[in-house]
């Protein structure tokens, strides 16, 4: 991470779609990772928007992560 800091486990995702002129980049963090609290990149995101980057584990053990391109709960995207 920045300045050699340790980052929480995450996936980096790029979104390409018809009508988008640029690639959208985001991250997927996992709700059961203790390291999320110290992740330097996640800390840059306003607290009220961090939830859009967190995959949640369901009762059957499968993670769910929805990407929303606009509107309420719009996923946080990063400049690349």
PDB file of N, CA and C in Angstrom:
ATOM      1  N   UNK A   1       0.805  -1.182   0.000  1.00  0.00           N
ATOM      2  CA  UNK A   1       0.000   0.000   0.000  1.00  0.00           C
ATOM      3  C   UNK A   1       0.852   1.252   0.000  1.00  0.00           C
ATOM      4  N   UNK A   2       0.227   2.397   0.128  1.00  0.00           N
ATOM      5  CA  UNK A   2       0.960   3.659   0.170  1.00  0.00           C
ATOM      6  C   UNK A   2       2.020   3.653   1.272  1.00  0.00           C
ATOM      7  N   UNK A   3       3.221   4.083   0.940  1.00  0.00           N
ATOM      8  CA  UNK A   3       4.335   4.155   1.894  1.00  0.00           C
ATOM      9  C   UNK A   3       4.628   2.818   2.567  1.00  0.00           C
ATOM     10  N   UNK A   4       4.407   1.723   1.849  1.00  0.00           N
ATOM     11  CA  UNK A   4       4.711   0.396   2.377  1.00  0.00           C
ATOM     12  C   UNK A   4       3.716  -0.137   3.385  1.00  0.00           C
ATOM     13  N   UNK A   5       2.551   0.491   3.519  1.00  0.00           N
ATOM     14  CA  UNK A   5       1.552   0.033   4.483  1.00  0.00           C
ATOM     15  C   UNK A   5       0.907  -1.265   3.998  1.00  0.00           C
ATOM     16  N   UNK A   6       0.388  -2.022   4.950  1.00  0.00           N
ATOM     17  CA  UNK A   6      -0.283  -3.286   4.646  1.00  0.00           C
ATOM     18  C   UNK A   6      -1.734  -2.998   4.302  1.00  0.00           C
ATOM     19  N   UNK A   7      -2.235  -3.671   3.274  1.00  0.00           N
ATOM     20  CA  UNK A   7      -3.627  -3.494   2.868  1.00  0.00           C
ATOM     21  C   UNK A   7      -4.435  -4.732   3.241  1.00  0.00           C
ATOM     22  N   UNK A   8      -5.716  -4.530   3.495  1.00  0.00           N
ATOM     23  CA  UNK A   8      -6.618  -5.644   3.756  1.00  0.00           C
ATOM     24  C   UNK A   8      -6.794  -6.446   2.475  1.00  0.00           C
ATOM     25  N   UNK A   9      -7.091  -7.741   2.597  1.00  0.00           N
ATOM     26  CA  UNK A   9      -7.368  -8.531   1.393  1.00  0.00           C
ATOM     27  C   UNK A   9      -8.505  -7.891   0.596  1.00  0.00           C
ATOM     28  N   UNK A  10      -8.319  -7.809  -0.709  1.00  0.00           N
ATOM     29  CA  UNK A  10      -9.337  -7.206  -1.576  1.00  0.00           C
ATOM     30  C   UNK A  10      -9.117  -7.678  -3.006  1.00  0.00           C
ATOM     31  N   UNK A  11     -10.104  -7.459  -3.833  1.00  0.00           N
ATOM     32  CA  UNK A  11      -9.998  -7.681  -5.271  1.00  0.00           C
ATOM     33  C   UNK A  11     -10.097  -6.333  -5.951  1.00  0.00           C
ATOM     34  N   UNK A  12      -9.300  -6.117  -6.988  1.00  0.00           N
ATOM     35  CA  UNK A  12      -9.402  -4.918  -7.795  1.00  0.00           C
ATOM     36  C   UNK A  12     -10.203  -5.283  -9.036  1.00  0.00           C
ATOM     37  N   UNK A  13     -11.202  -4.464  -9.354  1.00  0.00           N
ATOM     38  CA  UNK A  13     -12.124  -4.765 -10.445  1.00  0.00           C
ATOM     39  C   UNK A  13     -12.184  -3.585 -11.406  1.00  0.00           C
ATOM     40  N   UNK A  14     -12.177  -3.891 -12.702  1.00  0.00           N
ATOM     41  CA  UNK A  14     -12.400  -2.875 -13.731  1.00  0.00           C
ATOM     42  C   UNK A  14     -13.719  -3.173 -14.418  1.00  0.00           C
ATOM     43  N   UNK A  15     -14.489  -2.128 -14.671  1.00  0.00           N
ATOM     44  CA  UNK A  15     -15.788  -2.267 -15.323  1.00  0.00           C
ATOM     45  C   UNK A  15     -15.711  -1.620 -16.706  1.00  0.00           C
ATOM     46  N   UNK A  16     -16.043  -2.392 -17.715  1.00  0.00           N
ATOM     47  CA  UNK A  16     -16.147  -1.911 -19.088  1.00  0.00           C
ATOM     48  C   UNK A  16     -17.578  -2.165 -19.537  1.00  0.00           C
ATOM     49  N   UNK A  17     -18.198  -1.218 -20.182  1.00  0.00           N
ATOM     50  CA  UNK A  17     -19.564  -1.421 -20.653  1.00  0.00           C
ATOM     51  C   UNK A  17     -19.851  -0.493 -21.827  1.00  0.00           C
ATOM     52  N   UNK A  18     -20.773  -0.911 -22.649  1.00  0.00           N
ATOM     53  CA  UNK A  18     -21.191  -0.060 -23.758  1.00  0.00           C
ATOM     54  C   UNK A  18     -21.698   1.264 -23.200  1.00  0.00           C
ATOM     55  N   UNK A  19     -21.279   2.346 -23.795  1.00  0.00           N
ATOM     56  CA  UNK A  19     -21.699   3.667 -23.348  1.00  0.00           C
ATOM     57  C   UNK A  19     -20.751   4.320 -22.367  1.00  0.00           C
ATOM     58  N   UNK A  20     -19.847   3.547 -21.785  1.00  0.00           N
ATOM     59  CA  UNK A  20     -18.843   4.133 -20.894  1.00  0.00           C
ATOM     60  C   UNK A  20     -17.639   4.534 -21.737  1.00  0.00           C
ATOM     61  N   UNK A  21     -17.181   5.749 -21.564  1.00  0.00           N
ATOM     62  CA  UNK A  21     -16.042   6.225 -22.340  1.00  0.00           C
ATOM     63  C   UNK A  21     -14.710   5.906 -21.675  1.00  0.00           C
ATOM     64  N   UNK A  22     -14.766   5.579 -20.395  1.00  0.00           N
ATOM     65  CA  UNK A  22     -13.550   5.230 -19.665  1.00  0.00           C
ATOM     66  C   UNK A  22     -13.800   3.965 -18.858  1.00  0.00           C
ATOM     67  N   UNK A  23     -12.716   3.329 -18.465  1.00  0.00           N
ATOM     68  CA  UNK A  23     -12.795   2.154 -17.594  1.00  0.00           C
ATOM     69  C   UNK A  23     -13.052   2.644 -16.174  1.00  0.00           C
ATOM     70  N   UNK A  24     -13.926   1.975 -15.459  1.00  0.00           N
ATOM     71  CA  UNK A  24     -14.192   2.290 -14.062  1.00  0.00           C
ATOM     72  C   UNK A  24     -13.460   1.283 -13.197  1.00  0.00           C
ATOM     73  N   UNK A  25     -12.774   1.757 -12.176  1.00  0.00           N
ATOM     74  CA  UNK A  25     -12.002   0.883 -11.293  1.00  0.00           C
ATOM     75  C   UNK A  25     -12.537   0.979  -9.870  1.00  0.00           C
ATOM     76  N   UNK A  26     -12.692  -0.174  -9.235  1.00  0.00           N
ATOM     77  CA  UNK A  26     -13.145  -0.209  -7.857  1.00  0.00           C
ATOM     78  C   UNK A  26     -12.449  -1.353  -7.146  1.00  0.00           C
ATOM     79  N   UNK A  27     -12.748  -1.523  -5.902  1.00  0.00           N
ATOM     80  CA  UNK A  27     -12.204  -2.621  -5.105  1.00  0.00           C
ATOM     81  C   UNK A  27     -13.341  -3.335  -4.404  1.00  0.00           C
ATOM     82  N   UNK A  28     -13.107  -4.609  -4.121  1.00  0.00           N
ATOM     83  CA  UNK A  28     -14.048  -5.393  -3.326  1.00  0.00           C
ATOM     84  C   UNK A  28     -13.315  -5.853  -2.071  1.00  0.00           C
ATOM     85  N   UNK A  29     -13.793  -5.396  -0.930  1.00  0.00           N
ATOM     86  CA  UNK A  29     -13.284  -5.846   0.358  1.00  0.00           C
ATOM     87  C   UNK A  29     -14.293  -6.840   0.928  1.00  0.00           C
ATOM     88  N   UNK A  30     -13.897  -7.618   1.933  1.00  0.00           N
ATOM     89  CA  UNK A  30     -14.743  -8.664   2.489  1.00  0.00           C
ATOM     90  C   UNK A  30     -15.126  -8.325   3.916  1.00  0.00           C
ATOM     91  N   UNK A  31     -16.404  -8.484   4.238  1.00  0.00           N
ATOM     92  CA  UNK A  31     -16.922  -8.009   5.524  1.00  0.00           C
ATOM     93  C   UNK A  31     -16.326  -8.705   6.737  1.00  0.00           C
ATOM     94  N   UNK A  32     -15.713  -9.858   6.564  1.00  0.00           N
ATOM     95  CA  UNK A  32     -15.176 -10.582   7.719  1.00  0.00           C
ATOM     96  C   UNK A  32     -13.672 -10.376   7.920  1.00  0.00           C
ATOM     97  N   UNK A  33     -13.090  -9.385   7.263  1.00  0.00           N
ATOM     98  CA  UNK A  33     -11.654  -9.120   7.377  1.00  0.00           C
ATOM     99  C   UNK A  33     -11.375  -8.035   8.415  1.00  0.00           C
ATOM    100  N   UNK A  34     -10.653  -8.400   9.458  1.00  0.00           N
ATOM    101  CA  UNK A  34     -10.305  -7.438  10.511  1.00  0.00           C
ATOM    102  C   UNK A  34      -9.431  -6.313   9.961  1.00  0.00           C
ATOM    103  N   UNK A  35      -8.630  -6.586   8.923  1.00  0.00           N
ATOM    104  CA  UNK A  35      -7.727  -5.606   8.355  1.00  0.00           C
ATOM    105  C   UNK A  35      -8.412  -4.441   7.669  1.00  0.00           C
ATOM    106  N   UNK A  36      -9.709  -4.541   7.422  1.00  0.00           N
ATOM    107  CA  UNK A  36     -10.425  -3.433   6.778  1.00  0.00           C
ATOM    108  C   UNK A  36     -10.294  -2.140   7.574  1.00  0.00           C
ATOM    109  N   UNK A  37     -10.273  -2.266   8.894  1.00  0.00           N
ATOM    110  CA  UNK A  37     -10.228  -1.075   9.755  1.00  0.00           C
ATOM    111  C   UNK A  37      -8.933  -0.288   9.591  1.00  0.00           C
ATOM    112  N   UNK A  38      -7.847  -0.945   9.166  1.00  0.00           N
ATOM    113  CA  UNK A  38      -6.566  -0.264   9.011  1.00  0.00           C
ATOM    114  C   UNK A  38      -6.164  -0.082   7.551  1.00  0.00           C
ATOM    115  N   UNK A  39      -6.997  -0.474   6.605  1.00  0.00           N
ATOM    116  CA  UNK A  39      -6.618  -0.376   5.196  1.00  0.00           C
ATOM    117  C   UNK A  39      -6.495   1.094   4.787  1.00  0.00           C
ATOM    118  N   UNK A  40      -5.329   1.498   4.248  1.00  0.00           N
ATOM    119  CA  UNK A  40      -5.115   2.912   3.937  1.00  0.00           C
ATOM    120  C   UNK A  40      -5.961   3.432   2.783  1.00  0.00           C
ATOM    121  N   UNK A  41      -6.293   2.587   1.831  1.00  0.00           N
ATOM    122  CA  UNK A  41      -7.117   3.028   0.696  1.00  0.00           C
ATOM    123  C   UNK A  41      -8.578   3.127   1.132  1.00  0.00           C
ATOM    124  N   UNK A  42      -9.067   2.129   1.841  1.00  0.00           N
ATOM    125  CA  UNK A  42     -10.447   2.161   2.328  1.00  0.00           C
ATOM    126  C   UNK A  42     -10.662   3.358   3.257  1.00  0.00           C
ATOM    127  N   UNK A  43      -9.635   3.729   4.008  1.00  0.00           N
ATOM    128  CA  UNK A  43      -9.739   4.878   4.913  1.00  0.00           C
ATOM    129  C   UNK A  43      -9.905   6.201   4.168  1.00  0.00           C
ATOM    130  N   UNK A  44      -9.507   6.252   2.900  1.00  0.00           N
ATOM    131  CA  UNK A  44      -9.664   7.466   2.095  1.00  0.00           C
ATOM    132  C   UNK A  44     -11.115   7.706   1.672  1.00  0.00           C
ATOM    133  N   UNK A  45     -11.922   6.669   1.730  1.00  0.00           N
ATOM    134  CA  UNK A  45     -13.327   6.748   1.309  1.00  0.00           C
ATOM    135  C   UNK A  45     -14.158   7.244   2.488  1.00  0.00           C
ATOM    136  N   UNK A  46     -15.033   8.238   2.264  1.00  0.00           N
ATOM    137  CA  UNK A  46     -15.889   8.706   3.370  1.00  0.00           C
ATOM    138  C   UNK A  46     -16.648   7.541   4.012  1.00  0.00           C
ATOM    139  N   UNK A  47     -16.741   7.559   5.320  1.00  0.00           N
ATOM    140  CA  UNK A  47     -17.344   6.458   6.077  1.00  0.00           C
ATOM    141  C   UNK A  47     -18.717   6.063   5.545  1.00  0.00           C
ATOM    142  N   UNK A  48     -19.521   7.052   5.156  1.00  0.00           N
ATOM    143  CA  UNK A  48     -20.884   6.745   4.691  1.00  0.00           C
ATOM    144  C   UNK A  48     -20.903   6.049   3.330  1.00  0.00           C
ATOM    145  N   UNK A  49     -19.784   6.013   2.608  1.00  0.00           N
ATOM    146  CA  UNK A  49     -19.720   5.372   1.287  1.00  0.00           C
ATOM    147  C   UNK A  49     -18.936   4.065   1.286  1.00  0.00           C
ATOM    148  N   UNK A  50     -18.246   3.747   2.366  1.00  0.00           N
ATOM    149  CA  UNK A  50     -17.407   2.537   2.420  1.00  0.00           C
ATOM    150  C   UNK A  50     -18.192   1.262   2.188  1.00  0.00           C
ATOM    151  N   UNK A  51     -19.429   1.247   2.610  1.00  0.00           N
ATOM    152  CA  UNK A  51     -20.260   0.051   2.448  1.00  0.00           C
ATOM    153  C   UNK A  51     -20.423  -0.380   0.998  1.00  0.00           C
ATOM    154  N   UNK A  52     -20.237   0.545   0.060  1.00  0.00           N
ATOM    155  CA  UNK A  52     -20.369   0.187  -1.361  1.00  0.00           C
ATOM    156  C   UNK A  52     -19.178  -0.626  -1.849  1.00  0.00           C
ATOM    157  N   UNK A  53     -18.153  -0.754  -1.016  1.00  0.00           N
ATOM    158  CA  UNK A  53     -16.959  -1.519  -1.388  1.00  0.00           C
ATOM    159  C   UNK A  53     -16.849  -2.840  -0.631  1.00  0.00           C
ATOM    160  N   UNK A  54     -17.859  -3.171   0.164  1.00  0.00           N
ATOM    161  CA  UNK A  54     -17.791  -4.351   1.029  1.00  0.00           C
ATOM    162  C   UNK A  54     -18.703  -5.463   0.511  1.00  0.00           C
ATOM    163  N   UNK A  55     -18.103  -6.621   0.242  1.00  0.00           N
ATOM    164  CA  UNK A  55     -18.885  -7.815  -0.098  1.00  0.00           C
ATOM    165  C   UNK A  55     -19.358  -8.442   1.207  1.00  0.00           C
ATOM    166  N   UNK A  56     -20.602  -8.833   1.249  1.00  0.00           N
ATOM    167  CA  UNK A  56     -21.193  -9.396   2.458  1.00  0.00           C
ATOM    168  C   UNK A  56     -21.423 -10.895   2.281  1.00  0.00           C
ATOM    169  N   UNK A  57     -21.063 -11.650   3.314  1.00  0.00           N
ATOM    170  CA  UNK A  57     -21.248 -13.098   3.278  1.00  0.00           C
ATOM    171  C   UNK A  57     -22.679 -13.437   3.683  1.00  0.00           C
ATOM    172  N   UNK A  58     -23.346 -14.242   2.877  1.00  0.00           N
ATOM    173  CA  UNK A  58     -24.715 -14.662   3.191  1.00  0.00           C
ATOM    174  C   UNK A  58     -24.682 -15.897   4.094  1.00  0.00           C
ATOM    175  N   UNK A  59     -25.841 -16.327   4.530  1.00  0.00           N
ATOM    176  CA  UNK A  59     -25.949 -17.469   5.442  1.00  0.00           C
ATOM    177  C   UNK A  59     -25.353 -18.741   4.836  1.00  0.00           C
ATOM    178  N   UNK A  60     -25.393 -18.860   3.509  1.00  0.00           N
ATOM    179  CA  UNK A  60     -24.848 -20.068   2.872  1.00  0.00           C
ATOM    180  C   UNK A  60     -23.347 -19.957   2.581  1.00  0.00           C
ATOM    181  N   UNK A  61     -22.708 -18.863   3.071  1.00  0.00           N
ATOM    182  CA  UNK A  61     -21.270 -18.704   2.939  1.00  0.00           C
ATOM    183  C   UNK A  61     -20.795 -18.058   1.656  1.00  0.00           C
ATOM    184  N   UNK A  62     -21.722 -17.641   0.796  1.00  0.00           N
ATOM    185  CA  UNK A  62     -21.374 -17.016  -0.480  1.00  0.00           C
ATOM    186  C   UNK A  62     -21.332 -15.496  -0.294  1.00  0.00           C
ATOM    187  N   UNK A  63     -20.285 -14.864  -0.843  1.00  0.00           N
ATOM    188  CA  UNK A  63     -20.199 -13.411  -0.781  1.00  0.00           C
ATOM    189  C   UNK A  63     -21.045 -12.793  -1.889  1.00  0.00           C
ATOM    190  N   UNK A  64     -21.670 -11.653  -1.579  1.00  0.00           N
ATOM    191  CA  UNK A  64     -22.443 -10.903  -2.570  1.00  0.00           C
ATOM    192  C   UNK A  64     -21.894  -9.487  -2.638  1.00  0.00           C
ATOM    193  N   UNK A  65     -21.694  -9.021  -3.883  1.00  0.00           N
ATOM    194  CA  UNK A  65     -21.216  -7.669  -4.120  1.00  0.00           C
ATOM    195  C   UNK A  65     -21.913  -7.147  -5.361  1.00  0.00           C
ATOM    196  N   UNK A  66     -22.664  -6.066  -5.210  1.00  0.00           N
ATOM    197  CA  UNK A  66     -23.362  -5.454  -6.337  1.00  0.00           C
ATOM    198  C   UNK A  66     -22.632  -4.187  -6.752  1.00  0.00           C
ATOM    199  N   UNK A  67     -22.432  -4.024  -8.053  1.00  0.00           N
ATOM    200  CA  UNK A  67     -21.850  -2.790  -8.582  1.00  0.00           C
ATOM    201  C   UNK A  67     -22.994  -1.936  -9.095  1.00  0.00           C
ATOM    202  N   UNK A  68     -23.090  -0.725  -8.571  1.00  0.00           N
ATOM    203  CA  UNK A  68     -24.127   0.221  -9.002  1.00  0.00           C
ATOM    204  C   UNK A  68     -23.441   1.389  -9.674  1.00  0.00           C
ATOM    205  N   UNK A  69     -23.780   1.630 -10.926  1.00  0.00           N
ATOM    206  CA  UNK A  69     -23.122   2.664 -11.703  1.00  0.00           C
ATOM    207  C   UNK A  69     -23.622   4.070 -11.395  1.00  0.00           C
ATOM    208  N   UNK A  70     -24.828   4.177 -10.866  1.00  0.00           N
ATOM    209  CA  UNK A  70     -25.353   5.494 -10.516  1.00  0.00           C
ATOM    210  C   UNK A  70     -26.516   5.348  -9.554  1.00  0.00           C
ATOM    211  N   UNK A  71     -26.897   6.456  -8.964  1.00  0.00           N
ATOM    212  CA  UNK A  71     -28.053   6.469  -8.070  1.00  0.00           C
ATOM    213  C   UNK A  71     -27.691   6.130  -6.638  1.00  0.00           C
ATOM    214  N   UNK A  72     -28.733   5.832  -5.880  1.00  0.00           N
ATOM    215  CA  UNK A  72     -28.564   5.526  -4.462  1.00  0.00           C
ATOM    216  C   UNK A  72     -27.648   4.319  -4.293  1.00  0.00           C
ATOM    217  N   UNK A  73     -26.671   4.438  -3.414  1.00  0.00           N
ATOM    218  CA  UNK A  73     -25.743   3.343  -3.174  1.00  0.00           C
ATOM    219  C   UNK A  73     -24.741   3.142  -4.293  1.00  0.00           C
ATOM    220  N   UNK A  74     -24.512   4.191  -5.099  1.00  0.00           N
ATOM    221  CA  UNK A  74     -23.550   4.088  -6.205  1.00  0.00           C
ATOM    222  C   UNK A  74     -22.196   3.625  -5.677  1.00  0.00           C
ATOM    223  N   UNK A  75     -21.614   2.650  -6.342  1.00  0.00           N
ATOM    224  CA  UNK A  75     -20.315   2.115  -5.961  1.00  0.00           C
ATOM    225  C   UNK A  75     -19.250   3.207  -6.066  1.00  0.00           C
ATOM    226  N   UNK A  76     -18.331   3.202  -5.125  1.00  0.00           N
ATOM    227  CA  UNK A  76     -17.190   4.120  -5.185  1.00  0.00           C
ATOM    228  C   UNK A  76     -16.240   3.624  -6.280  1.00  0.00           C
ATOM    229  N   UNK A  77     -15.852   4.535  -7.165  1.00  0.00           N
ATOM    230  CA  UNK A  77     -14.880   4.241  -8.219  1.00  0.00           C
ATOM    231  C   UNK A  77     -13.658   5.109  -7.989  1.00  0.00           C
ATOM    232  N   UNK A  78     -12.498   4.587  -8.374  1.00  0.00           N
ATOM    233  CA  UNK A  78     -11.220   5.267  -8.151  1.00  0.00           C
ATOM    234  C   UNK A  78     -10.649   5.748  -9.467  1.00  0.00           C
ATOM    235  N   UNK A  79      -9.921   6.859  -9.419  1.00  0.00           N
ATOM    236  CA  UNK A  79      -9.169   7.322 -10.592  1.00  0.00           C
ATOM    237  C   UNK A  79      -7.968   6.408 -10.763  1.00  0.00           C
ATOM    238  N   UNK A  80      -7.716   6.024 -12.002  1.00  0.00           N
ATOM    239  CA  UNK A  80      -6.552   5.156 -12.259  1.00  0.00           C
ATOM    240  C   UNK A  80      -5.604   5.824 -13.236  1.00  0.00           C
TER     241      UNK A  80
END
